[in-house]
Each structure stands twice: as structure tokens, then as C-alpha cells.
Amino acid sequence: MRGGPASWVAVLAMAVIVLVSGGCGRHTGAPAPAPRPAQGHVATGVRVGGQSVGGMTASDAAAVIRGLAADADRMPRDAYVDPNTHGLVPGVAGVRLNVAATLREVLAARRDADLSPITESLTPAVNLSDLPPAPIYNGSPTRPEVAFVINVAWGEPYIPGMLRTLAAERAPVTFCLVGRWAEAHPDLVRAMVTAGQHAGTPYAFCNHGYRDHGWALLSQAQAYASITAADRVISGLTGASPLYFSPHRGEFNPAVLAASRRTGHDLVLWSLDTIDWKNPPAAEMRERIVSRARAGDIVLMHPTAPTEQALAGMIQGVRAKGLKLVTLDTLLASNGTPGRSNPVAG
């Protein structure tokens, strides 16, 4: 390059101006990105599990997370045979807070982030399928949940009113359908499905056999045929095959238990009965259920006039005791999340 010292000075001055102004590109006025925390420190304002960890070092944040783990961690509980009823009680999954993974999330978080701890589910070592066939009368008494189960083989006039109440209360429920009844009343079955979807609390469906047999007298082949026939009808109308089977009047024998297990269903009975088929006064029914309800209960009812009248009061009363209404599928799932529907047995 030609030129004396003055030219060199001019070139250098221009370079300094370009660098100071941010290069040759146009300045857009866009805000600078949020500053990242110093390495090994948490950004300002970050919270995890309701605890403030903003500005902490990694070791201090890890100590807070370990404190959260001490409260969150829960060992799994195995399924077992109840010594009083001789029925099966489902296991309960455990929970473990993953301290290392949670800490990584915390250190990577931007300013004012509000995080939830990362947890892992611990599966029970013994599940219902690992135990000999037996009825299930209730869910785990360690979870404050209750399931209302409505057996349906008749009572069509009362179903629309019960659906309106369930929707108004946003209450999950399980309908246990007789296959032959469902075949004869497809519109009511579809109304059950639609009502649950609109209420935001999809209802579950249970298999009540194809017809009201004297189940204690059936062979395994006869029980198997009835259960699978009902499965085909219910799944065709609801879009999902039931996970559970409940025999008429709670009658069963070893052959029925074997047939139920063979079709992929656990046999479910109940722990609390409205006795609504006797048509008691609605207030009496409500008091009976609310006063006796406890964690894990399966509450049996039918579409009757007093049940329709007492339903809202039973829902409200059970909830007032701190119990959460869930479907049968949720109550009996070890992790509180319903399993996938079984394939329809052929």
C-alpha cells in the first residue's frame, strides 16, 4: 500500500470506528440475550420445587435438591393378598427424585425459571398378575382415592340424569356394562362416552358379562365365552376394551376366576355398597356412603331413582372427606395412571 505515516494512521482510525460500531452490519436495536449465569452458578430468580436457588453455586443448589428428595422419595409397595377379605390389593409405584438430572436442569435454566424436580417411577416387585387369581375388593388404602362403579343391566330412565350430575360435578366414574344391554342401548352407551369427553373426565368401562348369568354355576368355557362376547360389544361402542370384569351379584367360582384371568381381566367386586336396588331414601343412601367411605373404596351403585337423587350429595360428601374420585382403571393402577386397554380376546 502506498502512502506515508498519515495514511496508516487514517486506516487504523477507520478500523477502530468499525469495530466500535459493531462491524459493517446495521445495528437493529434488538435487546441483548439474557445473560447466562457464571459457570457453576444458578441464574437469578430460578426456583425448583417451590424452593429458591437463584444465584447459588452448584453445590448449594444440589443441597436444596437433596432436601426436596428427602420429602419426595417413596418406596414402592407390592401387591398383596388382604388377610381379612382374601382379595387382591394392587401395589403402589414408588417415586425417586433424580438429583443429578434436576441439578443439570437448574444450572441450564434461564433467569426466573420455575422448574419441577425430575422424578423416576419405581415399579413394585410384585404386581396383581404375579398373585394367584382372586377378586379385588378395593384399591390401595395408602392412596386417598375412591371409585364409583355403576353396574348397568337396566335403569335406562335414570341414566341421562346421572350423566348430567356427573358432568356438573366433573366426577370420574366407571360404567360396568352387561353386553346384551349395551347391544340393545347403543345410544345410551355412546352418551356415556360423550358425556365423559365433554366433562373433561373420560369415563371408564368395565365388563359385566354378556348377560346376567348365575356365575357361580358356570364352567370356565362358559364364563370365557360370556366375558369375550361382552368385550366385543363394549369395545365396539366405546373404542376401548375394558380392563376389568365384575360378575353379576358378585358371584364367581374358581372356573370364573380362571376365565377372567385368561381373558386378561382382573375380577373386581366392591368394598362399599349403596344397596340402591332396595330403593332406600336418597338421604339415607348418601349418609351410608359418605360416612363409611375411606381410601381405596370401590363404591357399587346402579341406575335407580334414589341413586340419581343422591349422586351429587355422595360426590360432594366423599370429596369433603379429602378423598379424590377416580375411575376404576386409575384406582387399581399401581402408578395411578390407567394401563392400556387389553386387546379384545377372541
Protein backbone atom coordinates (compact mmCIF):
# COMPACT_ATOMS: atom_id res chain seq x y z
CA MET A 1 0.00 0.00 0.00
CA ARG A 2 1.25 3.41 -0.95
CA GLY A 3 1.27 6.42 1.35
CA GLY A 4 3.11 7.75 4.32
CA PRO A 5 2.54 7.54 8.05
CA ALA A 6 -0.50 9.78 7.83
CA SER A 7 -2.27 7.24 5.58
CA TRP A 8 -1.58 4.41 8.02
CA VAL A 9 -3.00 6.46 10.87
CA ALA A 10 -6.17 7.11 8.90
CA VAL A 11 -6.64 3.40 8.10
CA LEU A 12 -6.21 2.40 11.73
CA ALA A 13 -8.68 5.06 12.86
CA MET A 14 -11.29 3.76 10.44
CA ALA A 15 -10.77 0.19 11.68
CA VAL A 16 -11.33 1.30 15.26
CA ILE A 17 -14.55 3.07 14.27
CA VAL A 18 -15.85 -0.09 12.50
CA LEU A 19 -15.06 -2.29 15.49
CA VAL A 20 -16.66 0.08 17.99
CA SER A 21 -19.82 0.41 15.89
CA GLY A 22 -20.30 -3.38 15.74
CA GLY A 23 -18.78 -4.12 12.33
CA CYS A 24 -20.15 -3.44 8.90
CA GLY A 25 -23.70 -4.72 9.68
CA ARG A 26 -26.57 -2.40 10.53
CA HIS A 27 -27.45 -2.02 14.22
CA THR A 28 -31.02 -3.32 14.67
CA GLY A 29 -31.64 -2.21 18.25
CA ALA A 30 -32.60 -5.79 19.30
CA PRO A 31 -32.12 -6.43 23.03
CA ALA A 32 -29.12 -8.44 24.07
CA PRO A 33 -29.84 -12.06 25.06
CA ALA A 34 -30.39 -12.74 28.75
CA PRO A 35 -27.03 -13.21 30.45
CA ARG A 36 -26.07 -16.76 31.24
CA PRO A 37 -25.08 -17.47 34.82
CA ALA A 38 -21.43 -17.78 35.67
CA GLN A 39 -20.19 -21.32 35.21
CA GLY A 40 -21.24 -23.44 38.18
CA HIS A 41 -23.84 -20.89 39.36
CA VAL A 42 -27.62 -20.76 39.02
CA ALA A 43 -29.23 -17.85 37.20
CA THR A 44 -31.01 -15.19 39.24
CA GLY A 45 -34.59 -15.91 40.30
CA VAL A 46 -34.63 -19.64 39.49
CA ARG A 47 -36.88 -21.84 41.61
CA VAL A 48 -37.20 -25.61 41.76
CA GLY A 49 -39.95 -27.49 43.56
CA GLY A 50 -41.06 -24.21 45.15
CA GLN A 51 -37.58 -23.51 46.56
CA SER A 52 -35.44 -20.53 45.52
CA VAL A 53 -32.00 -21.49 44.19
CA GLY A 54 -31.23 -18.34 42.21
CA GLY A 55 -27.59 -17.25 42.35
CA MET A 56 -26.47 -20.37 44.24
CA THR A 57 -23.39 -22.38 43.47
CA ALA A 58 -23.89 -25.85 42.05
CA SER A 59 -23.07 -27.45 45.39
CA ASP A 60 -25.55 -25.27 47.30
CA ALA A 61 -28.30 -25.93 44.73
CA ALA A 62 -27.59 -29.67 44.94
CA ALA A 63 -28.07 -29.49 48.72
CA VAL A 64 -31.50 -27.89 48.24
CA ILE A 65 -32.47 -30.55 45.70
CA ARG A 66 -31.38 -33.34 48.04
CA GLY A 67 -33.66 -31.80 50.65
CA LEU A 68 -36.55 -31.98 48.20
CA ALA A 69 -35.69 -35.62 47.53
CA ALA A 70 -35.95 -36.44 51.22
CA ASP A 71 -39.61 -35.37 51.11
CA ALA A 72 -40.44 -36.68 47.63
CA ASP A 73 -38.85 -40.13 47.60
CA ARG A 74 -41.26 -43.01 48.29
CA MET A 75 -40.55 -46.72 48.13
CA PRO A 76 -42.90 -48.88 46.01
CA ARG A 77 -45.47 -51.10 47.72
CA ASP A 78 -46.05 -54.60 46.38
CA ALA A 79 -49.48 -56.02 45.54
CA TYR A 80 -50.66 -58.42 48.24
CA VAL A 81 -53.47 -60.65 49.46
CA ASP A 82 -55.63 -58.95 52.08
CA PRO A 83 -55.67 -61.23 55.16
CA ASN A 84 -59.24 -60.18 56.01
CA THR A 85 -61.03 -60.39 52.64
CA HIS A 86 -58.56 -62.78 50.95
CA GLY A 87 -58.85 -60.46 47.96
CA LEU A 88 -56.02 -58.90 45.99
CA VAL A 89 -54.85 -55.36 46.72
CA PRO A 90 -52.88 -53.58 43.95
CA GLY A 91 -49.37 -52.37 44.53
CA VAL A 92 -48.35 -48.71 44.51
CA ALA A 93 -45.44 -47.41 42.46
CA GLY A 94 -42.67 -45.56 44.26
CA VAL A 95 -41.05 -42.27 43.34
CA ARG A 96 -37.40 -41.24 43.35
CA LEU A 97 -36.20 -37.70 42.70
CA ASN A 98 -33.27 -37.71 40.27
CA VAL A 99 -30.91 -35.23 41.96
CA ALA A 100 -28.28 -35.18 39.19
CA ALA A 101 -30.77 -34.64 36.36
CA THR A 102 -32.64 -31.97 38.30
CA LEU A 103 -29.38 -30.15 39.06
CA ARG A 104 -28.47 -30.13 35.37
CA GLU A 105 -31.83 -28.55 34.55
CA VAL A 106 -31.36 -25.96 37.29
CA LEU A 107 -27.87 -24.97 36.10
CA ALA A 108 -29.08 -24.70 32.49
CA ALA A 109 -32.18 -22.65 33.38
CA ARG A 110 -32.63 -19.04 32.33
CA ARG A 111 -33.36 -16.24 34.75
CA ASP A 112 -36.62 -16.51 36.78
CA ALA A 113 -37.35 -20.05 35.56
CA ASP A 114 -39.76 -22.05 37.76
CA LEU A 115 -38.88 -25.75 37.49
CA SER A 116 -40.31 -29.02 38.75
CA PRO A 117 -37.93 -31.71 40.02
CA ILE A 118 -37.25 -34.61 37.67
CA THR A 119 -38.56 -37.84 39.17
CA GLU A 120 -38.50 -41.53 38.27
CA SER A 121 -41.23 -44.10 38.88
CA LEU A 122 -40.24 -47.23 40.82
CA THR A 123 -42.26 -50.30 39.84
CA PRO A 124 -43.44 -52.70 42.57
CA ALA A 125 -41.65 -56.05 42.57
CA VAL A 126 -44.99 -57.88 42.92
CA ASN A 127 -48.00 -56.96 40.75
CA LEU A 128 -51.55 -58.32 40.62
CA SER A 129 -50.66 -60.69 37.78
CA ASP A 130 -47.96 -62.27 39.96
CA LEU A 131 -50.52 -63.40 42.56
CA PRO A 132 -52.96 -66.35 42.32
CA PRO A 133 -56.38 -65.40 40.88
CA ALA A 134 -58.69 -63.83 43.46
CA PRO A 135 -61.23 -60.97 43.50
CA ILE A 136 -60.25 -57.35 44.04
CA TYR A 137 -62.48 -55.62 46.58
CA ASN A 138 -60.65 -52.30 46.87
CA GLY A 139 -57.67 -50.23 45.79
CA SER A 140 -54.67 -49.43 47.93
CA PRO A 141 -55.63 -47.86 51.29
CA THR A 142 -52.45 -45.75 51.06
CA ARG A 143 -53.86 -43.56 48.26
CA PRO A 144 -56.75 -41.20 49.14
CA GLU A 145 -58.87 -42.23 46.17
CA VAL A 146 -62.34 -43.72 45.70
CA ALA A 147 -64.02 -45.16 42.59
CA PHE A 148 -67.77 -45.04 41.91
CA VAL A 149 -68.78 -48.06 39.80
CA ILE A 150 -72.25 -48.11 38.20
CA ASN A 151 -73.41 -51.57 37.13
CA VAL A 152 -75.81 -51.28 34.21
CA ALA A 153 -78.19 -54.01 33.07
CA TRP A 154 -81.39 -51.93 33.41
CA GLY A 155 -82.47 -48.49 34.68
CA GLU A 156 -82.43 -46.61 31.37
CA PRO A 157 -84.74 -43.76 32.57
CA TYR A 158 -82.24 -42.68 35.23
CA ILE A 159 -79.04 -42.68 33.17
CA PRO A 160 -79.45 -39.25 31.47
CA GLY A 161 -79.99 -37.54 34.83
CA MET A 162 -76.98 -39.29 36.34
CA LEU A 163 -74.85 -38.24 33.38
CA ARG A 164 -75.91 -34.62 33.88
CA THR A 165 -74.93 -34.78 37.55
CA LEU A 166 -71.57 -36.39 36.78
CA ALA A 167 -70.84 -33.71 34.19
CA ALA A 168 -71.87 -30.88 36.52
CA GLU A 169 -69.65 -32.25 39.29
CA ARG A 170 -66.82 -33.17 36.86
CA ALA A 171 -66.71 -36.54 38.57
CA PRO A 172 -64.94 -39.54 37.00
CA VAL A 173 -66.95 -42.77 37.06
CA THR A 174 -66.82 -46.33 35.76
CA PHE A 175 -69.78 -47.93 34.00
CA CYS A 176 -69.84 -51.72 34.27
CA LEU A 177 -71.96 -52.83 31.33
CA VAL A 178 -73.80 -56.06 30.57
CA GLY A 179 -73.00 -56.82 26.93
CA ARG A 180 -76.54 -57.70 25.91
CA TRP A 181 -77.86 -54.49 27.49
CA ALA A 182 -75.22 -52.42 25.68
CA GLU A 183 -76.20 -54.04 22.38
CA ALA A 184 -79.82 -53.06 22.99
CA HIS A 185 -79.00 -49.48 24.05
CA PRO A 186 -76.07 -48.26 21.92
CA ASP A 187 -77.24 -44.64 22.08
CA LEU A 188 -77.01 -44.63 25.90
CA VAL A 189 -73.53 -46.16 25.79
CA ARG A 190 -72.36 -43.54 23.30
CA ALA A 191 -73.96 -40.87 25.50
CA MET A 192 -71.80 -42.10 28.38
CA VAL A 193 -68.68 -41.79 26.23
CA THR A 194 -69.64 -38.32 25.00
CA ALA A 195 -70.59 -37.06 28.47
CA GLY A 196 -67.20 -38.03 29.86
CA GLN A 197 -65.37 -36.35 26.99
CA HIS A 198 -67.34 -33.13 27.33
CA ALA A 199 -66.86 -33.07 31.11
CA GLY A 200 -63.11 -33.40 30.66
CA THR A 201 -63.09 -36.54 32.80
CA PRO A 202 -63.37 -39.52 30.40
CA TYR A 203 -65.32 -42.36 31.97
CA ALA A 204 -64.02 -45.92 32.17
CA PHE A 205 -65.94 -49.05 31.19
CA CYS A 206 -65.97 -52.41 32.95
CA ASN A 207 -67.13 -55.80 31.64
CA HIS A 208 -70.23 -57.17 33.45
CA GLY A 209 -70.55 -60.26 31.29
CA TYR A 210 -72.73 -60.69 28.24
CA ARG A 211 -75.84 -61.50 30.28
CA ASP A 212 -76.88 -61.84 33.93
CA HIS A 213 -75.78 -65.44 34.49
CA GLY A 214 -75.68 -67.37 37.70
CA TRP A 215 -71.92 -67.04 37.56
CA ALA A 216 -71.19 -69.45 40.39
CA LEU A 217 -72.59 -72.26 38.21
CA LEU A 218 -70.65 -71.57 35.02
CA SER A 219 -67.77 -73.60 33.63
CA GLN A 220 -64.56 -71.91 32.55
CA ALA A 221 -65.58 -72.23 28.90
CA GLN A 222 -68.99 -70.67 29.54
CA ALA A 223 -67.50 -67.80 31.56
CA TYR A 224 -64.84 -67.20 28.93
CA ALA A 225 -67.47 -67.04 26.17
CA SER A 226 -69.62 -64.54 28.08
CA ILE A 227 -66.70 -62.26 29.01
CA THR A 228 -65.26 -62.18 25.49
CA ALA A 229 -68.71 -61.58 23.94
CA ALA A 230 -69.25 -58.59 26.24
CA ASP A 231 -65.77 -57.30 25.43
CA ARG A 232 -66.56 -57.25 21.73
CA VAL A 233 -69.77 -55.28 22.25
CA ILE A 234 -68.32 -52.78 24.74
CA SER A 235 -65.14 -52.14 22.77
CA GLY A 236 -67.14 -51.69 19.59
CA LEU A 237 -69.29 -48.98 21.19
CA THR A 238 -66.71 -47.22 23.37
CA GLY A 239 -63.49 -47.67 21.39
CA ALA A 240 -61.62 -49.39 24.23
CA SER A 241 -61.71 -52.88 25.71
CA PRO A 242 -62.37 -52.98 29.47
CA LEU A 243 -59.51 -53.78 31.82
CA TYR A 244 -61.73 -55.34 34.49
CA PHE A 245 -64.57 -57.84 34.80
CA SER A 246 -67.23 -57.82 37.51
CA PRO A 247 -69.73 -60.72 37.70
CA HIS A 248 -73.44 -60.25 38.31
CA ARG A 249 -74.28 -60.21 42.05
CA GLY A 250 -70.62 -60.74 42.82
CA GLU A 251 -70.96 -64.47 42.15
CA PHE A 252 -67.95 -66.45 40.99
CA ASN A 253 -66.15 -69.77 41.33
CA PRO A 254 -62.59 -70.93 40.55
CA ALA A 255 -63.55 -71.52 36.90
CA VAL A 256 -64.83 -67.94 36.55
CA LEU A 257 -61.67 -66.57 38.17
CA ALA A 258 -59.56 -68.60 35.74
CA ALA A 259 -61.61 -67.45 32.75
CA SER A 260 -61.34 -63.82 33.82
CA ARG A 261 -57.57 -64.06 34.17
CA ARG A 262 -57.36 -65.92 30.83
CA THR A 263 -59.14 -63.06 29.03
CA GLY A 264 -56.73 -60.54 30.54
CA HIS A 265 -59.16 -59.10 33.11
CA ASP A 266 -58.83 -58.87 36.87
CA LEU A 267 -62.10 -59.81 38.59
CA VAL A 268 -63.39 -56.85 40.61
CA LEU A 269 -66.11 -56.70 43.26
CA TRP A 270 -66.67 -53.83 45.74
CA SER A 271 -65.97 -52.70 49.28
CA LEU A 272 -68.95 -50.35 49.79
CA ASP A 273 -72.50 -50.94 48.54
CA THR A 274 -75.25 -48.34 48.14
CA ILE A 275 -77.83 -51.17 48.25
CA ASP A 276 -79.77 -48.93 45.87
CA TRP A 277 -81.64 -51.87 44.38
CA LYS A 278 -83.70 -51.83 47.59
CA ASN A 279 -84.73 -48.24 46.77
CA PRO A 280 -83.75 -46.64 50.09
CA PRO A 281 -84.42 -42.90 50.64
CA ALA A 282 -81.79 -40.80 48.84
CA ALA A 283 -80.71 -39.07 52.08
CA GLU A 284 -80.18 -42.43 53.74
CA MET A 285 -78.08 -43.65 50.82
CA ARG A 286 -75.95 -40.52 50.87
CA GLU A 287 -75.31 -40.83 54.60
CA ARG A 288 -74.44 -44.50 54.26
CA ILE A 289 -71.79 -43.88 51.62
CA VAL A 290 -70.30 -40.63 52.88
CA SER A 291 -69.99 -41.79 56.49
CA ARG A 292 -68.28 -45.06 55.53
CA ALA A 293 -66.13 -44.02 52.56
CA ARG A 294 -62.39 -44.46 53.02
CA ALA A 295 -59.26 -44.53 50.88
CA GLY A 296 -59.30 -47.27 48.25
CA ASP A 297 -63.04 -47.95 48.31
CA ILE A 298 -64.91 -49.27 45.29
CA VAL A 299 -68.48 -47.98 45.68
CA LEU A 300 -71.17 -50.03 43.93
CA MET A 301 -74.34 -48.45 42.55
CA HIS A 302 -76.96 -48.85 39.82
CA PRO A 303 -79.16 -46.51 37.79
CA THR A 304 -82.13 -46.12 40.15
CA ALA A 305 -84.31 -43.20 41.21
CA PRO A 306 -82.70 -42.78 44.67
CA THR A 307 -79.21 -43.10 43.18
CA GLU A 308 -79.97 -40.35 40.68
CA GLN A 309 -81.21 -38.15 43.54
CA ALA A 310 -78.32 -38.93 45.91
CA LEU A 311 -75.46 -38.88 43.40
CA ALA A 312 -74.46 -35.21 43.74
CA GLY A 313 -74.53 -35.43 47.53
CA MET A 314 -72.41 -38.58 47.55
CA ILE A 315 -69.83 -36.98 45.25
CA GLN A 316 -69.63 -33.80 47.30
CA GLY A 317 -69.58 -35.65 50.62
CA VAL A 318 -66.78 -38.02 49.62
CA ARG A 319 -64.70 -35.12 48.32
CA ALA A 320 -65.29 -33.18 51.53
CA LYS A 321 -63.50 -36.02 53.36
CA GLY A 322 -60.37 -35.32 51.32
CA LEU A 323 -60.90 -38.29 49.00
CA LYS A 324 -60.39 -37.97 45.26
CA LEU A 325 -62.86 -39.58 42.87
CA VAL A 326 -61.15 -41.59 40.12
CA THR A 327 -62.10 -44.27 37.62
CA LEU A 328 -61.64 -47.93 38.48
CA ASP A 329 -58.78 -48.08 35.98
CA THR A 330 -56.93 -45.32 37.85
CA LEU A 331 -57.71 -46.67 41.32
CA LEU A 332 -56.21 -50.08 40.56
CA ALA A 333 -53.20 -48.91 38.51
CA SER A 334 -50.02 -49.10 40.59
CA ASN A 335 -48.80 -45.72 39.35
CA GLY A 336 -52.18 -44.00 39.32
CA THR A 337 -52.21 -43.94 35.52
CA PRO A 338 -54.59 -46.34 33.76
CA GLY A 339 -52.87 -49.03 31.72
CA ARG A 340 -53.58 -49.59 28.08
CA SER A 341 -56.81 -51.37 27.35
CA ASN A 342 -56.41 -55.08 26.81
CA PRO A 343 -56.86 -56.36 23.27
CA VAL A 344 -60.26 -57.88 22.77
CA ALA A 345 -59.98 -61.60 23.42
CA GLY A 346 -61.02 -63.73 20.50
